Amino acid sequence: MDHYLQLRVQTESGLRIDGLRVLYKLELFPPDALLGCAVEVPTLDGNVTLQVPPKSSTGRMLRLKGRGLVSGDNVGDQYVEILVVIPADIKDEEIALYTRLQELSLSDS
């Protein structure tokens, strides 16, 4: 009888290992997700700058080719999952701007 053991490994920087793939969840504030940005993300070999495309929504997966684990001749990729988050300390002026944006989007419907 064969027994299989599946391990899930997560580094201090939040990288999760899944076979040869490396997974990372990147939290972005709404303006950065909407307009796009350059952000430093951890990899197994240190930080790299990732260009987040404009209009990125929660759940979007970005691939860093060849940044996963290496096993013999096989090299995995790293996937960065976008998570759009609302800052806890959002200011009243920012809420007013979002309210205006909502009004504009409703008037276009």
PDB file of N, CA and C in Angstrom:
ATOM      1  N   MET A   1       0.846  -1.169   0.000  1.00  0.00           N
ATOM      2  CA  MET A   1       0.000   0.000   0.000  1.00  0.00           C
ATOM      3  C   MET A   1       0.897   1.239   0.000  1.00  0.00           C
ATOM      4  N   ASP A   2       0.631   2.151  -0.930  1.00  0.00           N
ATOM      5  CA  ASP A   2       1.390   3.397  -1.016  1.00  0.00           C
ATOM      6  C   ASP A   2       0.728   4.470  -0.184  1.00  0.00           C
ATOM      7  N   HIS A   3       1.548   5.304   0.416  1.00  0.00           N
ATOM      8  CA  HIS A   3       1.041   6.450   1.178  1.00  0.00           C
ATOM      9  C   HIS A   3       1.610   7.713   0.554  1.00  0.00           C
ATOM     10  N   TYR A   4       0.762   8.721   0.429  1.00  0.00           N
ATOM     11  CA  TYR A   4       1.201   9.997  -0.136  1.00  0.00           C
ATOM     12  C   TYR A   4       1.053  11.078   0.906  1.00  0.00           C
ATOM     13  N   LEU A   5       2.020  11.932   0.947  1.00  0.00           N
ATOM     14  CA  LEU A   5       2.013  13.039   1.886  1.00  0.00           C
ATOM     15  C   LEU A   5       2.057  14.335   1.097  1.00  0.00           C
ATOM     16  N   GLN A   6       1.110  15.199   1.363  1.00  0.00           N
ATOM     17  CA  GLN A   6       1.095  16.500   0.687  1.00  0.00           C
ATOM     18  C   GLN A   6       1.385  17.577   1.729  1.00  0.00           C
ATOM     19  N   LEU A   7       2.421  18.358   1.464  1.00  0.00           N
ATOM     20  CA  LEU A   7       2.807  19.421   2.375  1.00  0.00           C
ATOM     21  C   LEU A   7       2.456  20.774   1.775  1.00  0.00           C
ATOM     22  N   ARG A   8       2.021  21.681   2.607  1.00  0.00           N
ATOM     23  CA  ARG A   8       1.827  23.066   2.183  1.00  0.00           C
ATOM     24  C   ARG A   8       2.831  23.901   2.957  1.00  0.00           C
ATOM     25  N   VAL A   9       3.634  24.631   2.223  1.00  0.00           N
ATOM     26  CA  VAL A   9       4.705  25.405   2.835  1.00  0.00           C
ATOM     27  C   VAL A   9       4.433  26.879   2.564  1.00  0.00           C
ATOM     28  N   GLN A  10       4.606  27.699   3.608  1.00  0.00           N
ATOM     29  CA  GLN A  10       4.483  29.152   3.438  1.00  0.00           C
ATOM     30  C   GLN A  10       5.686  29.804   4.110  1.00  0.00           C
ATOM     31  N   THR A  11       6.324  30.729   3.365  1.00  0.00           N
ATOM     32  CA  THR A  11       7.493  31.421   3.891  1.00  0.00           C
ATOM     33  C   THR A  11       7.058  32.589   4.759  1.00  0.00           C
ATOM     34  N   GLU A  12       8.013  33.184   5.460  1.00  0.00           N
ATOM     35  CA  GLU A  12       7.732  34.358   6.291  1.00  0.00           C
ATOM     36  C   GLU A  12       7.174  35.520   5.478  1.00  0.00           C
ATOM     37  N   SER A  13       7.567  35.632   4.208  1.00  0.00           N
ATOM     38  CA  SER A  13       7.103  36.728   3.368  1.00  0.00           C
ATOM     39  C   SER A  13       5.752  36.446   2.717  1.00  0.00           C
ATOM     40  N   GLY A  14       5.128  35.307   3.036  1.00  0.00           N
ATOM     41  CA  GLY A  14       3.798  35.000   2.527  1.00  0.00           C
ATOM     42  C   GLY A  14       3.763  34.188   1.244  1.00  0.00           C
ATOM     43  N   LEU A  15       4.919  33.706   0.785  1.00  0.00           N
ATOM     44  CA  LEU A  15       4.950  32.856  -0.400  1.00  0.00           C
ATOM     45  C   LEU A  15       4.451  31.466  -0.029  1.00  0.00           C
ATOM     46  N   ARG A  16       3.559  30.921  -0.854  1.00  0.00           N
ATOM     47  CA  ARG A  16       3.073  29.552  -0.643  1.00  0.00           C
ATOM     48  C   ARG A  16       3.583  28.673  -1.772  1.00  0.00           C
ATOM     49  N   ILE A  17       4.019  27.482  -1.415  1.00  0.00           N
ATOM     50  CA  ILE A  17       4.585  26.545  -2.382  1.00  0.00           C
ATOM     51  C   ILE A  17       3.525  25.507  -2.724  1.00  0.00           C
ATOM     52  N   ASP A  18       3.307  25.292  -4.012  1.00  0.00           N
ATOM     53  CA  ASP A  18       2.345  24.294  -4.498  1.00  0.00           C
ATOM     54  C   ASP A  18       3.009  23.555  -5.652  1.00  0.00           C
ATOM     55  N   GLY A  19       3.655  22.424  -5.344  1.00  0.00           N
ATOM     56  CA  GLY A  19       4.442  21.725  -6.362  1.00  0.00           C
ATOM     57  C   GLY A  19       5.619  22.601  -6.754  1.00  0.00           C
ATOM     58  N   LEU A  20       5.761  22.878  -8.046  1.00  0.00           N
ATOM     59  CA  LEU A  20       6.818  23.776  -8.502  1.00  0.00           C
ATOM     60  C   LEU A  20       6.343  25.230  -8.546  1.00  0.00           C
ATOM     61  N   ARG A  21       5.036  25.428  -8.361  1.00  0.00           N
ATOM     62  CA  ARG A  21       4.489  26.788  -8.401  1.00  0.00           C
ATOM     63  C   ARG A  21       4.652  27.482  -7.052  1.00  0.00           C
ATOM     64  N   VAL A  22       4.821  28.784  -7.129  1.00  0.00           N
ATOM     65  CA  VAL A  22       4.864  29.624  -5.935  1.00  0.00           C
ATOM     66  C   VAL A  22       3.691  30.601  -6.049  1.00  0.00           C
ATOM     67  N   LEU A  23       2.935  30.753  -4.969  1.00  0.00           N
ATOM     68  CA  LEU A  23       1.759  31.616  -4.959  1.00  0.00           C
ATOM     69  C   LEU A  23       1.938  32.742  -3.959  1.00  0.00           C
ATOM     70  N   TYR A  24       1.460  33.929  -4.319  1.00  0.00           N
ATOM     71  CA  TYR A  24       1.560  35.088  -3.426  1.00  0.00           C
ATOM     72  C   TYR A  24       0.312  35.946  -3.588  1.00  0.00           C
ATOM     73  N   LYS A  25      -0.251  36.408  -2.474  1.00  0.00           N
ATOM     74  CA  LYS A  25      -1.413  37.304  -2.501  1.00  0.00           C
ATOM     75  C   LYS A  25      -0.933  38.736  -2.285  1.00  0.00           C
ATOM     76  N   LEU A  26      -1.260  39.596  -3.244  1.00  0.00           N
ATOM     77  CA  LEU A  26      -0.831  40.988  -3.217  1.00  0.00           C
ATOM     78  C   LEU A  26      -2.026  41.878  -2.937  1.00  0.00           C
ATOM     79  N   GLU A  27      -1.995  42.580  -1.800  1.00  0.00           N
ATOM     80  CA  GLU A  27      -3.070  43.509  -1.449  1.00  0.00           C
ATOM     81  C   GLU A  27      -2.788  44.873  -2.068  1.00  0.00           C
ATOM     82  N   LEU A  28      -3.790  45.415  -2.774  1.00  0.00           N
ATOM     83  CA  LEU A  28      -3.683  46.728  -3.399  1.00  0.00           C
ATOM     84  C   LEU A  28      -4.856  47.599  -2.984  1.00  0.00           C
ATOM     85  N   PHE A  29      -4.610  48.889  -2.838  1.00  0.00           N
ATOM     86  CA  PHE A  29      -5.694  49.834  -2.601  1.00  0.00           C
ATOM     87  C   PHE A  29      -6.385  50.115  -3.935  1.00  0.00           C
ATOM     88  N   PRO A  30      -7.665  50.485  -3.909  1.00  0.00           N
ATOM     89  CA  PRO A  30      -8.425  50.678  -5.149  1.00  0.00           C
ATOM     90  C   PRO A  30      -7.749  51.567  -6.201  1.00  0.00           C
ATOM     91  N   PRO A  31      -7.156  52.732  -5.845  1.00  0.00           N
ATOM     92  CA  PRO A  31      -6.539  53.551  -6.896  1.00  0.00           C
ATOM     93  C   PRO A  31      -5.395  52.828  -7.612  1.00  0.00           C
ATOM     94  N   ASP A  32      -4.595  52.047  -6.865  1.00  0.00           N
ATOM     95  CA  ASP A  32      -3.479  51.314  -7.477  1.00  0.00           C
ATOM     96  C   ASP A  32      -3.990  50.217  -8.411  1.00  0.00           C
ATOM     97  N   ALA A  33      -5.076  49.536  -8.000  1.00  0.00           N
ATOM     98  CA  ALA A  33      -5.647  48.481  -8.844  1.00  0.00           C
ATOM     99  C   ALA A  33      -6.284  49.083 -10.097  1.00  0.00           C
ATOM    100  N   LEU A  34      -6.943  50.209  -9.953  1.00  0.00           N
ATOM    101  CA  LEU A  34      -7.617  50.844 -11.085  1.00  0.00           C
ATOM    102  C   LEU A  34      -6.633  51.448 -12.086  1.00  0.00           C
ATOM    103  N   LEU A  35      -5.652  52.170 -11.575  1.00  0.00           N
ATOM    104  CA  LEU A  35      -4.738  52.911 -12.445  1.00  0.00           C
ATOM    105  C   LEU A  35      -3.487  52.119 -12.836  1.00  0.00           C
ATOM    106  N   GLY A  36      -3.225  51.011 -12.150  1.00  0.00           N
ATOM    107  CA  GLY A  36      -1.999  50.249 -12.377  1.00  0.00           C
ATOM    108  C   GLY A  36      -0.871  50.836 -11.551  1.00  0.00           C
ATOM    109  N   CYS A  37       0.137  50.035 -11.276  1.00  0.00           N
ATOM    110  CA  CYS A  37       1.252  50.496 -10.460  1.00  0.00           C
ATOM    111  C   CYS A  37       2.422  49.525 -10.589  1.00  0.00           C
ATOM    112  N   ALA A  38       3.561  49.959 -10.114  1.00  0.00           N
ATOM    113  CA  ALA A  38       4.733  49.091  -9.983  1.00  0.00           C
ATOM    114  C   ALA A  38       4.905  48.812  -8.499  1.00  0.00           C
ATOM    115  N   VAL A  39       5.059  47.563  -8.136  1.00  0.00           N
ATOM    116  CA  VAL A  39       5.140  47.192  -6.730  1.00  0.00           C
ATOM    117  C   VAL A  39       6.194  46.098  -6.547  1.00  0.00           C
ATOM    118  N   GLU A  40       6.867  46.141  -5.418  1.00  0.00           N
ATOM    119  CA  GLU A  40       7.848  45.114  -5.076  1.00  0.00           C
ATOM    120  C   GLU A  40       7.113  43.901  -4.499  1.00  0.00           C
ATOM    121  N   VAL A  41       7.407  42.720  -5.035  1.00  0.00           N
ATOM    122  CA  VAL A  41       6.838  41.484  -4.492  1.00  0.00           C
ATOM    123  C   VAL A  41       7.973  40.514  -4.178  1.00  0.00           C
ATOM    124  N   PRO A  42       7.802  39.729  -3.115  1.00  0.00           N
ATOM    125  CA  PRO A  42       8.848  38.752  -2.773  1.00  0.00           C
ATOM    126  C   PRO A  42       8.812  37.562  -3.721  1.00  0.00           C
ATOM    127  N   THR A  43       9.978  37.013  -3.995  1.00  0.00           N
ATOM    128  CA  THR A  43      10.111  35.740  -4.712  1.00  0.00           C
ATOM    129  C   THR A  43      11.084  34.890  -3.908  1.00  0.00           C
ATOM    130  N   LEU A  44      11.277  33.670  -4.324  1.00  0.00           N
ATOM    131  CA  LEU A  44      12.231  32.806  -3.629  1.00  0.00           C
ATOM    132  C   LEU A  44      13.654  33.337  -3.738  1.00  0.00           C
ATOM    133  N   ASP A  45      13.923  34.159  -4.763  1.00  0.00           N
ATOM    134  CA  ASP A  45      15.262  34.705  -4.981  1.00  0.00           C
ATOM    135  C   ASP A  45      15.374  36.170  -4.589  1.00  0.00           C
ATOM    136  N   GLY A  46      14.433  36.685  -3.797  1.00  0.00           N
ATOM    137  CA  GLY A  46      14.450  38.093  -3.412  1.00  0.00           C
ATOM    138  C   GLY A  46      13.335  38.866  -4.098  1.00  0.00           C
ATOM    139  N   ASN A  47      13.222  40.139  -3.761  1.00  0.00           N
ATOM    140  CA  ASN A  47      12.150  40.977  -4.302  1.00  0.00           C
ATOM    141  C   ASN A  47      12.375  41.310  -5.769  1.00  0.00           C
ATOM    142  N   VAL A  48      11.265  41.426  -6.509  1.00  0.00           N
ATOM    143  CA  VAL A  48      11.283  41.901  -7.891  1.00  0.00           C
ATOM    144  C   VAL A  48      10.178  42.949  -8.037  1.00  0.00           C
ATOM    145  N   THR A  49      10.314  43.816  -9.044  1.00  0.00           N
ATOM    146  CA  THR A  49       9.296  44.808  -9.320  1.00  0.00           C
ATOM    147  C   THR A  49       8.290  44.222 -10.299  1.00  0.00           C
ATOM    148  N   LEU A  50       7.032  44.254  -9.903  1.00  0.00           N
ATOM    149  CA  LEU A  50       5.946  43.739 -10.727  1.00  0.00           C
ATOM    150  C   LEU A  50       5.107  44.909 -11.228  1.00  0.00           C
ATOM    151  N   GLN A  51       4.843  44.949 -12.529  1.00  0.00           N
ATOM    152  CA  GLN A  51       3.966  45.963 -13.111  1.00  0.00           C
ATOM    153  C   GLN A  51       2.536  45.429 -13.064  1.00  0.00           C
ATOM    154  N   VAL A  52       1.709  46.048 -12.244  1.00  0.00           N
ATOM    155  CA  VAL A  52       0.304  45.660 -12.165  1.00  0.00           C
ATOM    156  C   VAL A  52      -0.441  46.447 -13.244  1.00  0.00           C
ATOM    157  N   PRO A  53      -1.120  45.751 -14.165  1.00  0.00           N
ATOM    158  CA  PRO A  53      -1.826  46.453 -15.234  1.00  0.00           C
ATOM    159  C   PRO A  53      -3.021  47.247 -14.683  1.00  0.00           C
ATOM    160  N   PRO A  54      -3.376  48.342 -15.364  1.00  0.00           N
ATOM    161  CA  PRO A  54      -4.577  49.083 -14.968  1.00  0.00           C
ATOM    162  C   PRO A  54      -5.819  48.192 -15.024  1.00  0.00           C
ATOM    163  N   LYS A  55      -6.814  48.558 -14.224  1.00  0.00           N
ATOM    164  CA  LYS A  55      -8.107  47.856 -14.150  1.00  0.00           C
ATOM    165  C   LYS A  55      -7.964  46.427 -13.650  1.00  0.00           C
ATOM    166  N   SER A  56      -7.049  46.190 -12.712  1.00  0.00           N
ATOM    167  CA  SER A  56      -6.875  44.863 -12.129  1.00  0.00           C
ATOM    168  C   SER A  56      -7.865  44.687 -10.980  1.00  0.00           C
ATOM    169  N   SER A  57      -8.622  43.606 -11.025  1.00  0.00           N
ATOM    170  CA  SER A  57      -9.625  43.319 -10.005  1.00  0.00           C
ATOM    171  C   SER A  57      -9.144  42.204  -9.085  1.00  0.00           C
ATOM    172  N   THR A  58      -9.809  42.071  -7.946  1.00  0.00           N
ATOM    173  CA  THR A  58      -9.540  40.958  -7.043  1.00  0.00           C
ATOM    174  C   THR A  58      -9.681  39.655  -7.807  1.00  0.00           C
ATOM    175  N   GLY A  59      -8.733  38.761  -7.600  1.00  0.00           N
ATOM    176  CA  GLY A  59      -8.754  37.461  -8.250  1.00  0.00           C
ATOM    177  C   GLY A  59      -7.881  37.387  -9.490  1.00  0.00           C
ATOM    178  N   ARG A  60      -7.483  38.533 -10.030  1.00  0.00           N
ATOM    179  CA  ARG A  60      -6.614  38.511 -11.212  1.00  0.00           C
ATOM    180  C   ARG A  60      -5.289  37.860 -10.838  1.00  0.00           C
ATOM    181  N   MET A  61      -4.795  36.978 -11.700  1.00  0.00           N
ATOM    182  CA  MET A  61      -3.534  36.284 -11.459  1.00  0.00           C
ATOM    183  C   MET A  61      -2.492  36.790 -12.452  1.00  0.00           C
ATOM    184  N   LEU A  62      -1.348  37.205 -11.918  1.00  0.00           N
ATOM    185  CA  LEU A  62      -0.230  37.646 -12.738  1.00  0.00           C
ATOM    186  C   LEU A  62       0.888  36.624 -12.598  1.00  0.00           C
ATOM    187  N   ARG A  63       1.549  36.280 -13.710  1.00  0.00           N
ATOM    188  CA  ARG A  63       2.577  35.238 -13.689  1.00  0.00           C
ATOM    189  C   ARG A  63       3.969  35.841 -13.771  1.00  0.00           C
ATOM    190  N   LEU A  64       4.846  35.358 -12.907  1.00  0.00           N
ATOM    191  CA  LEU A  64       6.270  35.662 -12.972  1.00  0.00           C
ATOM    192  C   LEU A  64       6.950  34.386 -13.469  1.00  0.00           C
ATOM    193  N   LYS A  65       7.211  34.349 -14.755  1.00  0.00           N
ATOM    194  CA  LYS A  65       7.746  33.142 -15.400  1.00  0.00           C
ATOM    195  C   LYS A  65       9.124  32.779 -14.837  1.00  0.00           C
ATOM    196  N   GLY A  66       9.265  31.492 -14.492  1.00  0.00           N
ATOM    197  CA  GLY A  66      10.547  30.981 -14.029  1.00  0.00           C
ATOM    198  C   GLY A  66      10.922  31.364 -12.606  1.00  0.00           C
ATOM    199  N   ARG A  67       9.968  31.898 -11.840  1.00  0.00           N
ATOM    200  CA  ARG A  67      10.257  32.311 -10.453  1.00  0.00           C
ATOM    201  C   ARG A  67       9.770  31.303  -9.420  1.00  0.00           C
ATOM    202  N   GLY A  68       9.409  30.093  -9.870  1.00  0.00           N
ATOM    203  CA  GLY A  68       8.970  29.054  -8.952  1.00  0.00           C
ATOM    204  C   GLY A  68      10.128  28.173  -8.512  1.00  0.00           C
ATOM    205  N   LEU A  69       9.794  26.995  -8.033  1.00  0.00           N
ATOM    206  CA  LEU A  69      10.816  26.036  -7.602  1.00  0.00           C
ATOM    207  C   LEU A  69      11.471  25.386  -8.813  1.00  0.00           C
ATOM    208  N   VAL A  70      12.691  24.918  -8.599  1.00  0.00           N
ATOM    209  CA  VAL A  70      13.438  24.214  -9.634  1.00  0.00           C
ATOM    210  C   VAL A  70      13.606  22.775  -9.182  1.00  0.00           C
ATOM    211  N   SER A  71      13.310  21.841 -10.098  1.00  0.00           N
ATOM    212  CA  SER A  71      13.505  20.419  -9.819  1.00  0.00           C
ATOM    213  C   SER A  71      14.082  19.780 -11.076  1.00  0.00           C
ATOM    214  N   GLY A  72      15.375  19.547 -11.064  1.00  0.00           N
ATOM    215  CA  GLY A  72      16.044  19.016 -12.251  1.00  0.00           C
ATOM    216  C   GLY A  72      15.963  20.022 -13.385  1.00  0.00           C
ATOM    217  N   ASP A  73      15.393  19.598 -14.516  1.00  0.00           N
ATOM    218  CA  ASP A  73      15.246  20.484 -15.669  1.00  0.00           C
ATOM    219  C   ASP A  73      13.939  21.287 -15.621  1.00  0.00           C
ATOM    220  N   ASN A  74      13.094  21.021 -14.653  1.00  0.00           N
ATOM    221  CA  ASN A  74      11.791  21.690 -14.572  1.00  0.00           C
ATOM    222  C   ASN A  74      11.863  22.926 -13.686  1.00  0.00           C
ATOM    223  N   VAL A  75      11.298  24.010 -14.186  1.00  0.00           N
ATOM    224  CA  VAL A  75      11.243  25.259 -13.425  1.00  0.00           C
ATOM    225  C   VAL A  75       9.788  25.718 -13.372  1.00  0.00           C
ATOM    226  N   GLY A  76       9.314  25.995 -12.173  1.00  0.00           N
ATOM    227  CA  GLY A  76       7.941  26.466 -12.013  1.00  0.00           C
ATOM    228  C   GLY A  76       7.845  27.976 -12.139  1.00  0.00           C
ATOM    229  N   ASP A  77       6.637  28.476 -12.113  1.00  0.00           N
ATOM    230  CA  ASP A  77       6.366  29.906 -12.174  1.00  0.00           C
ATOM    231  C   ASP A  77       5.815  30.380 -10.834  1.00  0.00           C
ATOM    232  N   GLN A  78       5.872  31.675 -10.627  1.00  0.00           N
ATOM    233  CA  GLN A  78       5.230  32.274  -9.466  1.00  0.00           C
ATOM    234  C   GLN A  78       3.979  32.998  -9.945  1.00  0.00           C
ATOM    235  N   TYR A  79       2.896  32.840  -9.205  1.00  0.00           N
ATOM    236  CA  TYR A  79       1.643  33.507  -9.522  1.00  0.00           C
ATOM    237  C   TYR A  79       1.302  34.481  -8.406  1.00  0.00           C
ATOM    238  N   VAL A  80       0.969  35.710  -8.806  1.00  0.00           N
ATOM    239  CA  VAL A  80       0.608  36.757  -7.856  1.00  0.00           C
ATOM    240  C   VAL A  80      -0.880  37.024  -8.024  1.00  0.00           C
ATOM    241  N   GLU A  81      -1.643  36.794  -6.956  1.00  0.00           N
ATOM    242  CA  GLU A  81      -3.086  37.028  -6.977  1.00  0.00           C
ATOM    243  C   GLU A  81      -3.387  38.413  -6.408  1.00  0.00           C
ATOM    244  N   ILE A  82      -4.145  39.202  -7.154  1.00  0.00           N
ATOM    245  CA  ILE A  82      -4.510  40.549  -6.732  1.00  0.00           C
ATOM    246  C   ILE A  82      -5.674  40.492  -5.753  1.00  0.00           C
ATOM    247  N   LEU A  83      -5.557  41.229  -4.661  1.00  0.00           N
ATOM    248  CA  LEU A  83      -6.648  41.410  -3.697  1.00  0.00           C
ATOM    249  C   LEU A  83      -6.819  42.909  -3.480  1.00  0.00           C
ATOM    250  N   VAL A  84      -7.958  43.451  -3.897  1.00  0.00           N
ATOM    251  CA  VAL A  84      -8.220  44.876  -3.704  1.00  0.00           C
ATOM    252  C   VAL A  84      -8.819  45.049  -2.311  1.00  0.00           C
ATOM    253  N   VAL A  85      -8.194  45.925  -1.514  1.00  0.00           N
ATOM    254  CA  VAL A  85      -8.624  46.131  -0.132  1.00  0.00           C
ATOM    255  C   VAL A  85      -8.920  47.610   0.113  1.00  0.00           C
ATOM    256  N   ILE A  86      -9.803  47.856   1.041  1.00  0.00           N
ATOM    257  CA  ILE A  86     -10.138  49.225   1.451  1.00  0.00           C
ATOM    258  C   ILE A  86      -9.302  49.547   2.688  1.00  0.00           C
ATOM    259  N   PRO A  87      -8.581  50.671   2.675  1.00  0.00           N
ATOM    260  CA  PRO A  87      -7.775  51.020   3.851  1.00  0.00           C
ATOM    261  C   PRO A  87      -8.663  51.267   5.070  1.00  0.00           C
ATOM    262  N   ALA A  88      -8.192  50.852   6.229  1.00  0.00           N
ATOM    263  CA  ALA A  88      -8.959  51.027   7.467  1.00  0.00           C
ATOM    264  C   ALA A  88      -9.054  52.499   7.866  1.00  0.00           C
ATOM    265  N   ASP A  89      -8.069  53.292   7.485  1.00  0.00           N
ATOM    266  CA  ASP A  89      -8.033  54.695   7.906  1.00  0.00           C
ATOM    267  C   ASP A  89      -8.425  55.642   6.766  1.00  0.00           C
ATOM    268  N   ILE A  90      -9.435  55.245   5.982  1.00  0.00           N
ATOM    269  CA  ILE A  90      -9.858  56.063   4.849  1.00  0.00           C
ATOM    270  C   ILE A  90     -10.441  57.390   5.350  1.00  0.00           C
ATOM    271  N   LYS A  91     -10.079  58.464   4.673  1.00  0.00           N
ATOM    272  CA  LYS A  91     -10.487  59.809   5.090  1.00  0.00           C
ATOM    273  C   LYS A  91     -11.853  60.169   4.511  1.00  0.00           C
ATOM    274  N   ASP A  92     -12.523  61.115   5.157  1.00  0.00           N
ATOM    275  CA  ASP A  92     -13.842  61.569   4.700  1.00  0.00           C
ATOM    276  C   ASP A  92     -13.773  62.106   3.274  1.00  0.00           C
ATOM    277  N   GLU A  93     -12.675  62.789   2.938  1.00  0.00           N
ATOM    278  CA  GLU A  93     -12.524  63.328   1.578  1.00  0.00           C
ATOM    279  C   GLU A  93     -12.465  62.209   0.544  1.00  0.00           C
ATOM    280  N   GLU A  94     -11.819  61.106   0.903  1.00  0.00           N
ATOM    281  CA  GLU A  94     -11.738  59.969  -0.012  1.00  0.00           C
ATOM    282  C   GLU A  94     -13.108  59.314  -0.185  1.00  0.00           C
ATOM    283  N   ILE A  95     -13.847  59.197   0.905  1.00  0.00           N
ATOM    284  CA  ILE A  95     -15.203  58.634   0.827  1.00  0.00           C
ATOM    285  C   ILE A  95     -16.073  59.514  -0.064  1.00  0.00           C
ATOM    286  N   ALA A  96     -15.916  60.837   0.048  1.00  0.00           N
ATOM    287  CA  ALA A  96     -16.680  61.759  -0.798  1.00  0.00           C
ATOM    288  C   ALA A  96     -16.348  61.542  -2.275  1.00  0.00           C
ATOM    289  N   LEU A  97     -15.077  61.295  -2.587  1.00  0.00           N
ATOM    290  CA  LEU A  97     -14.688  61.035  -3.972  1.00  0.00           C
ATOM    291  C   LEU A  97     -15.299  59.724  -4.486  1.00  0.00           C
ATOM    292  N   TYR A  98     -15.287  58.685  -3.662  1.00  0.00           N
ATOM    293  CA  TYR A  98     -15.897  57.417  -4.067  1.00  0.00           C
ATOM    294  C   TYR A  98     -17.405  57.579  -4.258  1.00  0.00           C
ATOM    295  N   THR A  99     -18.023  58.384  -3.402  1.00  0.00           N
ATOM    296  CA  THR A  99     -19.453  58.653  -3.542  1.00  0.00           C
ATOM    297  C   THR A  99     -19.728  59.331  -4.879  1.00  0.00           C
ATOM    298  N   ARG A 100     -18.890  60.288  -5.238  1.00  0.00           N
ATOM    299  CA  ARG A 100     -19.050  60.984  -6.520  1.00  0.00           C
ATOM    300  C   ARG A 100     -18.827  60.026  -7.691  1.00  0.00           C
ATOM    301  N   LEU A 101     -17.844  59.157  -7.588  1.00  0.00           N
ATOM    302  CA  LEU A 101     -17.610  58.154  -8.627  1.00  0.00           C
ATOM    303  C   LEU A 101     -18.831  57.231  -8.787  1.00  0.00           C
ATOM    304  N   GLN A 102     -19.417  56.846  -7.677  1.00  0.00           N
ATOM    305  CA  GLN A 102     -20.604  56.000  -7.730  1.00  0.00           C
ATOM    306  C   GLN A 102     -21.755  56.723  -8.414  1.00  0.00           C
ATOM    307  N   GLU A 103     -21.932  57.991  -8.078  1.00  0.00           N
ATOM    308  CA  GLU A 103     -22.980  58.781  -8.709  1.00  0.00           C
ATOM    309  C   GLU A 103     -22.761  58.870 -10.219  1.00  0.00           C
ATOM    310  N   LEU A 104     -21.509  59.069 -10.633  1.00  0.00           N
ATOM    311  CA  LEU A 104     -21.190  59.158 -12.056  1.00  0.00           C
ATOM    312  C   LEU A 104     -21.479  57.842 -12.775  1.00  0.00           C
ATOM    313  N   SER A 105     -21.101  56.733 -12.143  1.00  0.00           N
ATOM    314  CA  SER A 105     -21.325  55.425 -12.794  1.00  0.00           C
ATOM    315  C   SER A 105     -22.809  55.102 -12.867  1.00  0.00           C
ATOM    316  N   LEU A 106     -23.607  55.528 -11.875  1.00  0.00           N
ATOM    317  CA  LEU A 106     -25.046  55.282 -11.911  1.00  0.00           C
ATOM    318  C   LEU A 106     -25.735  56.139 -12.966  1.00  0.00           C
ATOM    319  N   SER A 107     -25.228  57.336 -13.205  1.00  0.00           N
ATOM    320  CA  SER A 107     -25.838  58.208 -14.188  1.00  0.00           C
ATOM    321  C   SER A 107     -25.569  57.752 -15.611  1.00  0.00           C
ATOM    322  N   ASP A 108     -24.536  56.891 -15.796  1.00  0.00           N
ATOM    323  CA  ASP A 108     -24.228  56.359 -17.118  1.00  0.00           C
ATOM    324  C   ASP A 108     -25.082  55.136 -17.461  1.00  0.00           C
ATOM    325  N   SER A 109     -25.772  54.572 -16.469  1.00  0.00           N
ATOM    326  CA  SER A 109     -26.535  53.341 -16.697  1.00  0.00           C
ATOM    327  C   SER A 109     -27.837  53.598 -17.406  1.00  0.00           C
TER     328      SER A 109
END
